[in-house]
Amino acid sequence: MRMIIICMISAVFLCGCQESNLSYYPTESVGITPSHEFTASSAKTNRQDFPDEPLDLKQAINIGLANNPSLSASAWDTETARAEKEIAKAELLPRINAVAGYTRYLDDQRLAPVSGPGQSGKFSNDILSGDLVLTMPLFTAGRLQNQVKARDFFLLASEHQLVRTRQELIFNISSVFYAILAQQKVIESLEFSQKALAEHRRRVKQLIDAQKAAQVDLLRTEVRLADVEQKLINERNTFEIQHSVLAELLGAEGHRIEITGQLQDERRDIDFQDGLHNAYAQRPDLQSIESELKAQDRLVDSAKAQHWPQVDLRAGYGGRWAAESTGLSDDTGSIGVALTLPIFEGGRIDATIRREKSRLNAAQQRARALKLRIRQEVQSAASTVESNLARIQATEKSIEQAEESLRIESQKYELGKGTIVDVLDSQAALLEAQTNYYRVLADYNIALARWELATGESI
């Protein structure tokens, strides 16, 4: 019995040494998130409160990274993958269980087998048992080892996907933030136009009193003023909706989000080929699916290994007691090696192999589709940046022309050489030019953020 206990302890010790040799698996996943300056724990635990003052873009992004529930859910998915890897690693370790039981027999049975010739036995038909049972896989043809490697690659894929989710969240927050800044300028332009038309209406009334203008001029001015006021109501409603979207992205519950900042028109040189090369090299979603391919390849090997025999070490030590007598007891123990060879599984193993190969082929096609989509996204982002830059330059000129046109038409009307229609049209043209400029400026900033998202740059 002493030898059995020594063998069980030795098996646990040797398996502990084997577990430490598994460190060559995790090295492929360690260090991925620090390179992106982001960790799963930061998405789960570091929640931030909302300050009373307006938020700039950097503050909004930091709060979103800390509070957004979708990002937090993705972080927990990463923890799930990490736990699944630990489960797979545990299959390589010995398992020690305490097993207790009670059995009633029709006829008296020995409490324990005899250990020598002529030895008297201890008998009972009500037997209590208690054992420590050790089971440890010695040879699985790489089935368990490949499952550990596969789970490690799945963990790596989950970490890459977490980083991609983070990038997408930053892009979404930035897009809404820029749209709100542009909407503020649009509302300011409408409010300025409203005040200008109100002042113009007052001036028209004075001219009518002086018999220098017709009543129809006043009606036309009031119609144009009503139109501007209606647009102002619509734009303010849009402004509120944008704030609601931003609050959702930041994980705000019952908070009114106020922001501050300026739209930038920083010119950037965009090169499609460089951007595509960077996207293929650093897009986390592409790295994620490549890790999934490696994981699935390991699962194919693990499925194939089921055709091979499995060798397990089995050991046990315990006692037997007669239920009707406290004096009858004996101990028992065993240690041995068991070989399990699959002879007939009803086609289960072959079907498992086909399933894992099909999943591998599907993952390969998804990787190919993702590369095609990445190319399209980079091309689209580059074109959008260039077109919006050209639109900015065009709208800047249109504002200058509209301001000059309004100045001229207003002077002509004051001198009685122009019509109210020309003044109102010039006012509307200026408002449209200003509105287009701020919206195009927001589109340009969003396009730059989309370029960074498409190429996998750290936003």
Protein backbone atom coordinates (compact mmCIF):
# COMPACT_ATOMS: atom_id res chain seq x y z
CA MET A 1 0.00 0.00 0.00
CA ARG A 2 2.84 2.35 0.79
CA MET A 3 4.27 1.79 -2.69
CA ILE A 4 0.93 2.67 -4.26
CA ILE A 5 0.73 5.96 -2.36
CA ILE A 6 4.32 6.80 -3.36
CA CYS A 7 3.51 6.08 -7.01
CA MET A 8 0.41 8.32 -6.85
CA ILE A 9 2.39 11.21 -5.37
CA SER A 10 5.14 10.72 -7.96
CA ALA A 11 2.60 10.83 -10.77
CA VAL A 12 1.19 14.12 -9.51
CA PHE A 13 4.70 15.57 -9.22
CA LEU A 14 5.75 14.45 -12.68
CA CYS A 15 2.55 15.80 -14.20
CA GLY A 16 3.15 19.12 -12.48
CA CYS A 17 6.51 19.28 -14.23
CA GLN A 18 4.78 18.41 -17.49
CA GLU A 19 2.31 21.27 -16.99
CA SER A 20 5.13 23.74 -16.58
CA ASN A 21 6.50 22.69 -19.96
CA LEU A 22 3.32 23.94 -21.59
CA SER A 23 4.69 27.48 -21.47
CA TYR A 24 5.54 27.29 -25.16
CA TYR A 25 1.84 27.66 -25.93
CA PRO A 26 1.01 30.94 -24.17
CA THR A 27 4.00 32.80 -25.57
CA GLU A 28 2.03 33.34 -28.77
CA SER A 29 -0.70 35.29 -27.01
CA VAL A 30 1.23 37.10 -24.30
CA GLY A 31 1.95 40.70 -25.22
CA ILE A 32 -0.64 41.31 -27.90
CA THR A 33 -2.82 43.68 -25.92
CA PRO A 34 0.00 45.76 -24.40
CA SER A 35 1.16 46.56 -27.93
CA HIS A 36 -2.22 48.23 -28.43
CA GLU A 37 -2.09 49.81 -24.98
CA PHE A 38 -5.29 48.09 -23.97
CA THR A 39 -6.13 45.15 -21.71
CA ALA A 40 -9.24 43.11 -21.12
CA SER A 41 -9.28 44.02 -17.45
CA SER A 42 -9.47 47.71 -18.30
CA ALA A 43 -12.67 47.11 -20.24
CA LYS A 44 -14.24 45.18 -17.37
CA THR A 45 -13.35 47.05 -14.21
CA ASN A 46 -12.10 50.61 -14.76
CA ARG A 47 -15.42 52.40 -15.01
CA GLN A 48 -15.26 56.20 -15.09
CA ASP A 49 -17.65 58.83 -13.81
CA PHE A 50 -18.89 61.65 -16.00
CA PRO A 51 -17.44 65.09 -15.22
CA ASP A 52 -19.67 68.13 -14.90
CA GLU A 53 -17.80 70.14 -17.54
CA PRO A 54 -18.11 69.51 -21.31
CA LEU A 55 -16.04 66.63 -22.72
CA ASP A 56 -13.39 66.92 -25.39
CA LEU A 57 -12.85 64.06 -27.81
CA LYS A 58 -10.07 62.40 -25.80
CA GLN A 59 -12.14 62.44 -22.61
CA ALA A 60 -15.15 61.04 -24.46
CA ILE A 61 -13.08 58.19 -25.88
CA ASN A 62 -11.58 57.33 -22.49
CA ILE A 63 -15.01 57.26 -20.87
CA GLY A 64 -16.39 55.14 -23.71
CA LEU A 65 -13.55 52.63 -23.37
CA ALA A 66 -14.27 52.36 -19.65
CA ASN A 67 -18.08 52.30 -19.72
CA ASN A 68 -19.27 50.91 -23.06
CA PRO A 69 -21.15 47.64 -22.40
CA SER A 70 -20.38 46.10 -25.79
CA LEU A 71 -16.65 46.52 -25.27
CA SER A 72 -16.97 45.12 -21.76
CA ALA A 73 -18.86 42.11 -23.16
CA SER A 74 -16.05 41.53 -25.66
CA ALA A 75 -13.56 41.65 -22.79
CA TRP A 76 -15.55 39.00 -20.95
CA ASP A 77 -15.53 36.88 -24.11
CA THR A 78 -11.75 37.04 -23.94
CA GLU A 79 -11.88 35.85 -20.34
CA THR A 80 -14.12 33.00 -21.48
CA ALA A 81 -11.51 31.99 -24.07
CA ARG A 82 -8.82 32.15 -21.39
CA ALA A 83 -10.85 29.89 -19.11
CA GLU A 84 -11.41 27.43 -21.97
CA LYS A 85 -7.65 27.26 -22.49
CA GLU A 86 -7.16 26.48 -18.80
CA ILE A 87 -9.81 23.74 -19.07
CA ALA A 88 -7.93 22.19 -22.00
CA LYS A 89 -4.63 22.34 -20.11
CA ALA A 90 -6.26 20.67 -17.10
CA GLU A 91 -7.06 17.62 -19.23
CA LEU A 92 -3.31 16.88 -19.32
CA LEU A 93 -3.04 16.82 -15.55
CA PRO A 94 -3.86 13.92 -13.23
CA ARG A 95 -7.25 13.81 -11.61
CA ILE A 96 -7.62 12.63 -8.03
CA ASN A 97 -11.12 11.93 -6.77
CA ALA A 98 -12.50 10.72 -3.49
CA VAL A 99 -15.06 7.98 -4.14
CA ALA A 100 -17.39 6.64 -1.45
CA GLY A 101 -20.07 4.03 -1.79
CA TYR A 102 -22.39 1.50 -0.19
CA THR A 103 -23.26 -1.87 -1.76
CA ARG A 104 -25.59 -4.61 -0.54
CA TYR A 105 -25.05 -8.11 -1.96
CA LEU A 106 -27.32 -11.18 -1.87
CA ASP A 107 -24.40 -13.29 -0.66
CA ASP A 108 -21.51 -12.37 1.58
CA GLN A 109 -18.52 -10.94 -0.27
CA ARG A 110 -14.89 -10.49 0.71
CA LEU A 111 -14.06 -7.02 1.88
CA ALA A 112 -10.73 -7.27 0.03
CA PRO A 113 -9.04 -9.92 -2.11
CA VAL A 114 -6.71 -12.32 -0.27
CA SER A 115 -3.05 -11.39 -0.48
CA GLY A 116 -1.51 -14.83 0.18
CA PRO A 117 -2.18 -18.60 0.28
CA GLY A 118 -4.36 -19.81 3.13
CA GLN A 119 -5.24 -16.31 4.28
CA SER A 120 -8.67 -16.06 5.85
CA GLY A 121 -10.98 -13.49 4.36
CA LYS A 122 -13.34 -10.93 5.84
CA PHE A 123 -16.89 -11.24 4.55
CA SER A 124 -20.04 -9.15 4.57
CA ASN A 125 -23.06 -8.58 2.37
CA ASP A 126 -23.29 -4.86 3.32
CA ILE A 127 -20.04 -3.16 2.34
CA LEU A 128 -19.02 0.48 2.72
CA SER A 129 -16.14 1.72 0.57
CA GLY A 130 -13.94 4.82 0.39
CA ASP A 131 -11.14 5.35 -2.12
CA LEU A 132 -8.76 7.93 -3.51
CA VAL A 133 -8.63 7.35 -7.27
CA LEU A 134 -5.96 8.79 -9.57
CA THR A 135 -6.32 8.91 -13.35
CA MET A 136 -3.72 10.46 -15.66
CA PRO A 137 -3.36 10.32 -19.46
CA LEU A 138 0.05 9.00 -20.49
CA PHE A 139 -0.42 8.87 -24.28
CA THR A 140 -3.20 10.43 -26.39
CA ALA A 141 -1.41 10.69 -29.77
CA GLY A 142 -1.34 14.48 -29.41
CA ARG A 143 -5.12 14.83 -29.03
CA LEU A 144 -5.04 16.73 -25.76
CA GLN A 145 -1.91 18.69 -26.65
CA ASN A 146 -3.46 19.90 -29.90
CA GLN A 147 -6.59 20.95 -28.03
CA VAL A 148 -4.44 23.06 -25.71
CA LYS A 149 -2.71 24.68 -28.68
CA ALA A 150 -6.07 25.28 -30.36
CA ARG A 151 -7.49 26.98 -27.28
CA ASP A 152 -4.40 29.12 -27.05
CA PHE A 153 -4.90 30.28 -30.62
CA PHE A 154 -8.60 30.90 -29.92
CA LEU A 155 -7.56 33.05 -26.97
CA LEU A 156 -5.20 34.98 -29.21
CA ALA A 157 -8.01 35.44 -31.75
CA SER A 158 -10.31 36.72 -29.01
CA GLU A 159 -7.69 39.22 -27.84
CA HIS A 160 -7.26 40.50 -31.39
CA GLN A 161 -11.02 40.81 -31.75
CA LEU A 162 -11.16 42.75 -28.50
CA VAL A 163 -8.65 45.23 -29.90
CA ARG A 164 -10.71 45.53 -33.09
CA THR A 165 -13.87 46.15 -31.08
CA ARG A 166 -12.00 48.88 -29.24
CA GLN A 167 -10.94 50.51 -32.53
CA GLU A 168 -14.49 50.38 -33.86
CA LEU A 169 -15.81 51.96 -30.67
CA ILE A 170 -13.27 54.79 -30.91
CA PHE A 171 -14.26 55.37 -34.54
CA ASN A 172 -17.97 55.43 -33.68
CA ILE A 173 -17.43 57.87 -30.82
CA SER A 174 -15.25 60.08 -33.02
CA SER A 175 -17.79 60.04 -35.86
CA VAL A 176 -20.69 61.09 -33.62
CA PHE A 177 -18.47 63.65 -31.87
CA TYR A 178 -17.51 65.28 -35.20
CA ALA A 179 -21.13 65.19 -36.37
CA ILE A 180 -22.25 66.98 -33.20
CA LEU A 181 -19.57 69.66 -33.65
CA ALA A 182 -20.75 70.22 -37.21
CA GLN A 183 -24.39 70.27 -36.09
CA GLN A 184 -23.55 72.96 -33.55
CA LYS A 185 -22.13 75.12 -36.34
CA VAL A 186 -25.16 74.45 -38.55
CA ILE A 187 -27.49 75.53 -35.75
CA GLU A 188 -25.37 78.63 -35.14
CA SER A 189 -25.58 79.48 -38.86
CA LEU A 190 -29.36 79.04 -38.83
CA GLU A 191 -29.67 81.17 -35.70
CA PHE A 192 -27.53 83.86 -37.32
CA SER A 193 -29.65 83.67 -40.47
CA GLN A 194 -32.79 83.87 -38.34
CA LYS A 195 -31.53 87.03 -36.65
CA ALA A 196 -30.43 88.51 -39.98
CA LEU A 197 -33.83 87.86 -41.54
CA ALA A 198 -35.59 89.29 -38.49
CA GLU A 199 -33.47 92.41 -38.80
CA HIS A 200 -34.15 92.50 -42.53
CA ARG A 201 -37.88 92.23 -41.86
CA ARG A 202 -37.62 95.18 -39.47
CA ARG A 203 -35.77 97.17 -42.15
CA VAL A 204 -38.36 96.25 -44.79
CA LYS A 205 -41.12 97.53 -42.53
CA GLN A 206 -39.27 100.82 -42.21
CA LEU A 207 -38.97 101.05 -45.99
CA ILE A 208 -42.66 100.29 -46.37
CA ASP A 209 -43.51 103.04 -43.90
CA ALA A 210 -41.34 105.36 -45.96
CA GLN A 211 -43.11 104.12 -49.11
CA LYS A 212 -39.83 102.81 -50.52
CA ALA A 213 -40.82 99.11 -50.52
CA ALA A 214 -43.92 97.05 -51.33
CA GLN A 215 -45.94 94.94 -48.90
CA VAL A 216 -45.05 91.83 -50.92
CA ASP A 217 -41.41 92.28 -49.90
CA LEU A 218 -42.42 91.91 -46.28
CA LEU A 219 -44.45 88.77 -47.05
CA ARG A 220 -41.54 87.20 -48.89
CA THR A 221 -39.19 87.97 -46.01
CA GLU A 222 -41.59 86.44 -43.49
CA VAL A 223 -41.98 83.30 -45.62
CA ARG A 224 -38.18 82.91 -45.80
CA LEU A 225 -37.91 83.55 -42.05
CA ALA A 226 -40.53 80.87 -41.31
CA ASP A 227 -38.62 78.43 -43.49
CA VAL A 228 -35.40 79.10 -41.56
CA GLU A 229 -37.21 78.66 -38.24
CA GLN A 230 -38.59 75.32 -39.40
CA LYS A 231 -35.11 74.16 -40.42
CA LEU A 232 -33.80 75.30 -37.06
CA ILE A 233 -36.35 73.10 -35.25
CA ASN A 234 -35.38 70.07 -37.39
CA GLU A 235 -31.66 70.62 -36.86
CA ARG A 236 -32.11 70.96 -33.10
CA ASN A 237 -34.03 67.67 -33.06
CA THR A 238 -31.16 66.04 -34.97
CA PHE A 239 -28.77 67.58 -32.45
CA GLU A 240 -30.62 65.91 -29.57
CA ILE A 241 -30.64 62.55 -31.35
CA GLN A 242 -26.88 62.77 -31.90
CA HIS A 243 -26.38 63.43 -28.18
CA SER A 244 -28.47 60.35 -27.39
CA VAL A 245 -26.32 58.23 -29.69
CA LEU A 246 -23.14 59.57 -28.07
CA ALA A 247 -24.54 58.86 -24.59
CA GLU A 248 -25.25 55.27 -25.63
CA LEU A 249 -21.70 54.80 -26.94
CA LEU A 250 -20.26 56.21 -23.71
CA GLY A 251 -22.41 53.93 -21.59
CA ALA A 252 -24.17 56.92 -20.02
CA GLU A 253 -27.32 56.21 -18.08
CA GLY A 254 -29.39 59.33 -17.49
CA HIS A 255 -26.49 61.69 -18.23
CA ARG A 256 -26.70 64.71 -20.51
CA ILE A 257 -23.49 64.71 -22.54
CA GLU A 258 -22.05 68.11 -23.40
CA ILE A 259 -18.98 68.33 -25.62
CA THR A 260 -16.40 70.89 -26.62
CA GLY A 261 -13.92 71.02 -29.45
CA GLN A 262 -13.19 72.25 -32.94
CA LEU A 263 -13.34 70.56 -36.31
CA GLN A 264 -9.87 70.35 -37.84
CA ASP A 265 -9.03 70.65 -41.52
CA GLU A 266 -5.57 69.13 -41.21
CA ARG A 267 -4.37 67.99 -44.62
CA ARG A 268 -3.02 64.44 -44.78
CA ASP A 269 -1.33 62.61 -47.62
CA ILE A 270 -3.16 59.36 -48.28
CA ASP A 271 -1.47 56.55 -50.22
CA PHE A 272 -3.62 53.56 -51.09
CA GLN A 273 -0.80 51.04 -51.48
CA ASP A 274 0.84 51.98 -48.19
CA GLY A 275 -2.51 51.90 -46.46
CA LEU A 276 -3.33 48.46 -47.87
CA HIS A 277 0.07 47.11 -46.82
CA ASN A 278 -0.45 48.45 -43.30
CA ALA A 279 -3.97 47.02 -43.15
CA TYR A 280 -2.80 43.53 -44.09
CA ALA A 281 0.00 43.78 -41.52
CA GLN A 282 -1.84 45.25 -38.54
CA ARG A 283 -5.62 44.85 -38.81
CA PRO A 284 -6.63 43.04 -35.60
CA ASP A 285 -9.65 41.37 -37.21
CA LEU A 286 -7.39 39.83 -39.88
CA GLN A 287 -4.95 38.69 -37.21
CA SER A 288 -7.90 37.25 -35.30
CA ILE A 289 -9.13 35.12 -38.18
CA GLU A 290 -5.57 33.96 -38.93
CA SER A 291 -5.32 32.78 -35.32
CA GLU A 292 -8.65 30.99 -35.74
CA LEU A 293 -7.22 29.22 -38.80
CA LYS A 294 -4.27 27.97 -36.75
CA ALA A 295 -6.60 26.88 -33.97
CA GLN A 296 -8.87 25.00 -36.36
CA ASP A 297 -5.89 23.27 -37.95
CA ARG A 298 -4.95 22.00 -34.47
CA LEU A 299 -8.49 20.76 -33.93
CA VAL A 300 -8.25 18.74 -37.15
CA ASP A 301 -5.10 17.08 -35.82
CA SER A 302 -6.82 16.48 -32.49
CA ALA A 303 -9.75 14.80 -34.23
CA LYS A 304 -7.42 12.56 -36.25
CA ALA A 305 -5.69 11.47 -33.04
CA GLN A 306 -8.90 9.78 -31.88
CA HIS A 307 -8.06 6.87 -34.21
CA TRP A 308 -5.04 6.10 -32.05
CA PRO A 309 -5.09 4.23 -28.74
CA GLN A 310 -5.05 6.11 -25.46
CA VAL A 311 -2.94 5.01 -22.51
CA ASP A 312 -3.92 6.08 -18.99
CA LEU A 313 -2.31 5.60 -15.60
CA ARG A 314 -4.85 4.50 -13.02
CA ALA A 315 -4.26 4.11 -9.30
CA GLY A 316 -6.43 3.86 -6.23
CA TYR A 317 -6.19 3.37 -2.53
CA GLY A 318 -8.95 3.03 0.04
CA GLY A 319 -10.78 0.95 2.59
CA ARG A 320 -13.69 -1.47 2.87
CA TRP A 321 -15.92 -1.79 5.92
CA ALA A 322 -18.68 -4.16 6.87
CA ALA A 323 -21.77 -2.07 7.50
CA GLU A 324 -23.13 -4.38 10.21
CA SER A 325 -19.89 -4.64 12.21
CA THR A 326 -17.43 -1.93 13.26
CA GLY A 327 -14.68 -4.50 13.71
CA LEU A 328 -14.59 -5.79 10.15
CA SER A 329 -12.48 -3.61 7.84
CA ASP A 330 -9.71 -3.89 5.34
CA ASP A 331 -7.78 -1.65 2.97
CA THR A 332 -7.18 -2.09 -0.72
CA GLY A 333 -5.10 -0.44 -3.42
CA SER A 334 -4.03 -0.83 -7.01
CA ILE A 335 -1.97 0.88 -9.69
CA GLY A 336 -1.77 0.05 -13.37
CA VAL A 337 -1.87 1.16 -16.97
CA ALA A 338 -4.95 0.93 -19.17
CA LEU A 339 -4.98 1.04 -22.98
CA THR A 340 -8.13 2.06 -24.82
CA LEU A 341 -8.28 1.32 -28.54
CA PRO A 342 -11.30 2.44 -30.59
CA ILE A 343 -12.54 -0.47 -32.70
CA PHE A 344 -16.04 0.60 -33.63
CA GLU A 345 -17.44 4.09 -32.97
CA GLY A 346 -20.31 4.09 -35.43
CA GLY A 347 -18.51 6.56 -37.72
CA ARG A 348 -18.25 9.19 -34.97
CA ILE A 349 -14.50 9.76 -35.34
CA ASP A 350 -14.61 10.09 -39.13
CA ALA A 351 -17.57 12.46 -38.88
CA THR A 352 -15.68 14.54 -36.29
CA ILE A 353 -12.70 14.79 -38.63
CA ARG A 354 -14.94 15.87 -41.52
CA ARG A 355 -16.60 18.45 -39.28
CA GLU A 356 -13.31 20.00 -38.21
CA LYS A 357 -12.00 20.02 -41.79
CA SER A 358 -15.20 21.71 -42.96
CA ARG A 359 -14.82 24.34 -40.27
CA LEU A 360 -11.22 24.87 -41.38
CA ASN A 361 -12.27 25.31 -45.01
CA ALA A 362 -15.01 27.74 -43.97
CA ALA A 363 -12.52 29.75 -41.90
CA GLN A 364 -10.15 29.90 -44.87
CA GLN A 365 -12.91 31.33 -47.05
CA ARG A 366 -13.83 33.87 -44.36
CA ALA A 367 -10.19 34.95 -44.22
CA ARG A 368 -10.16 35.37 -48.00
CA ALA A 369 -13.42 37.35 -47.88
CA LEU A 370 -12.02 39.57 -45.14
CA LYS A 371 -8.92 40.38 -47.20
CA LEU A 372 -11.13 41.37 -50.12
CA ARG A 373 -13.27 43.52 -47.83
CA ILE A 374 -10.18 45.15 -46.32
CA ARG A 375 -8.97 46.11 -49.77
CA GLN A 376 -12.35 47.64 -50.59
CA GLU A 377 -12.50 49.49 -47.24
CA VAL A 378 -9.04 50.98 -47.69
CA GLN A 379 -9.82 52.03 -51.27
CA SER A 380 -13.14 53.56 -50.21
CA ALA A 381 -11.57 55.35 -47.24
CA ALA A 382 -8.81 56.81 -49.41
CA SER A 383 -11.28 58.03 -52.02
CA THR A 384 -13.55 59.53 -49.35
CA VAL A 385 -10.68 61.48 -47.77
CA GLU A 386 -9.60 62.90 -51.13
CA SER A 387 -13.14 63.80 -52.24
CA ASN A 388 -13.97 65.49 -48.93
CA LEU A 389 -10.76 67.48 -49.08
CA ALA A 390 -11.74 68.75 -52.53
CA ARG A 391 -15.25 69.57 -51.22
CA ILE A 392 -13.75 71.60 -48.36
CA GLN A 393 -11.78 73.71 -50.80
CA ALA A 394 -14.87 74.23 -52.98
CA THR A 395 -17.16 75.19 -50.09
CA GLU A 396 -14.61 77.65 -48.71
CA LYS A 397 -14.74 79.52 -52.01
CA SER A 398 -18.54 79.32 -52.14
CA ILE A 399 -18.80 80.97 -48.70
CA GLU A 400 -16.63 83.87 -49.83
CA GLN A 401 -18.72 84.31 -52.97
CA ALA A 402 -22.01 84.06 -51.07
CA GLU A 403 -20.92 86.67 -48.50
CA GLU A 404 -19.89 89.08 -51.22
CA SER A 405 -23.10 88.45 -53.18
CA LEU A 406 -25.23 89.14 -50.09
CA ARG A 407 -23.35 92.35 -49.37
CA ILE A 408 -23.88 93.59 -52.93
CA GLU A 409 -27.56 92.65 -53.14
CA SER A 410 -28.29 94.21 -49.72
CA GLN A 411 -26.69 97.51 -50.80
CA LYS A 412 -28.57 97.46 -54.09
CA TYR A 413 -31.86 96.91 -52.29
CA GLU A 414 -31.12 99.72 -49.85
CA LEU A 415 -30.50 102.04 -52.81
CA GLY A 416 -33.67 100.92 -54.55
CA LYS A 417 -31.75 99.24 -57.40
CA GLY A 418 -32.40 95.63 -56.41
CA THR A 419 -35.25 93.34 -55.44
CA ILE A 420 -36.05 91.61 -52.19
CA VAL A 421 -35.95 88.27 -54.01
CA ASP A 422 -32.28 88.76 -54.87
CA VAL A 423 -31.48 89.62 -51.25
CA LEU A 424 -33.32 86.61 -49.89
CA ASP A 425 -31.74 84.29 -52.45
CA SER A 426 -28.31 85.58 -51.51
CA GLN A 427 -29.09 85.06 -47.83
CA ALA A 428 -30.23 81.50 -48.53
CA ALA A 429 -27.14 80.83 -50.64
CA LEU A 430 -24.87 81.98 -47.82
CA LEU A 431 -26.71 79.81 -45.30
CA GLU A 432 -26.46 76.79 -47.58
CA ALA A 433 -22.74 77.41 -48.18
CA GLN A 434 -22.03 77.68 -44.47
CA THR A 435 -24.09 74.57 -43.69
CA ASN A 436 -22.34 72.59 -46.42
CA TYR A 437 -18.92 73.73 -45.21
CA TYR A 438 -19.40 72.55 -41.64
CA ARG A 439 -20.91 69.26 -42.72
CA VAL A 440 -18.15 68.63 -45.23
CA LEU A 441 -15.57 69.49 -42.56
CA ALA A 442 -17.17 66.91 -40.26
CA ASP A 443 -17.23 64.40 -43.11
CA TYR A 444 -13.53 65.00 -43.68
CA ASN A 445 -12.67 64.38 -40.03
CA ILE A 446 -14.83 61.23 -40.06
CA ALA A 447 -13.14 60.12 -43.29
CA LEU A 448 -9.72 60.44 -41.66
CA ALA A 449 -10.93 58.36 -38.71
CA ARG A 450 -12.34 55.79 -41.13
CA TRP A 451 -8.97 55.66 -42.92
CA GLU A 452 -7.26 54.88 -39.62
CA LEU A 453 -9.88 52.23 -38.87
CA ALA A 454 -9.53 50.66 -42.32
CA THR A 455 -5.72 50.52 -42.15
CA GLY A 456 -5.67 49.26 -38.55
CA GLU A 457 -3.86 52.28 -37.16
CA SER A 458 -4.12 53.02 -33.45
CA ILE A 459 -6.83 55.71 -33.28
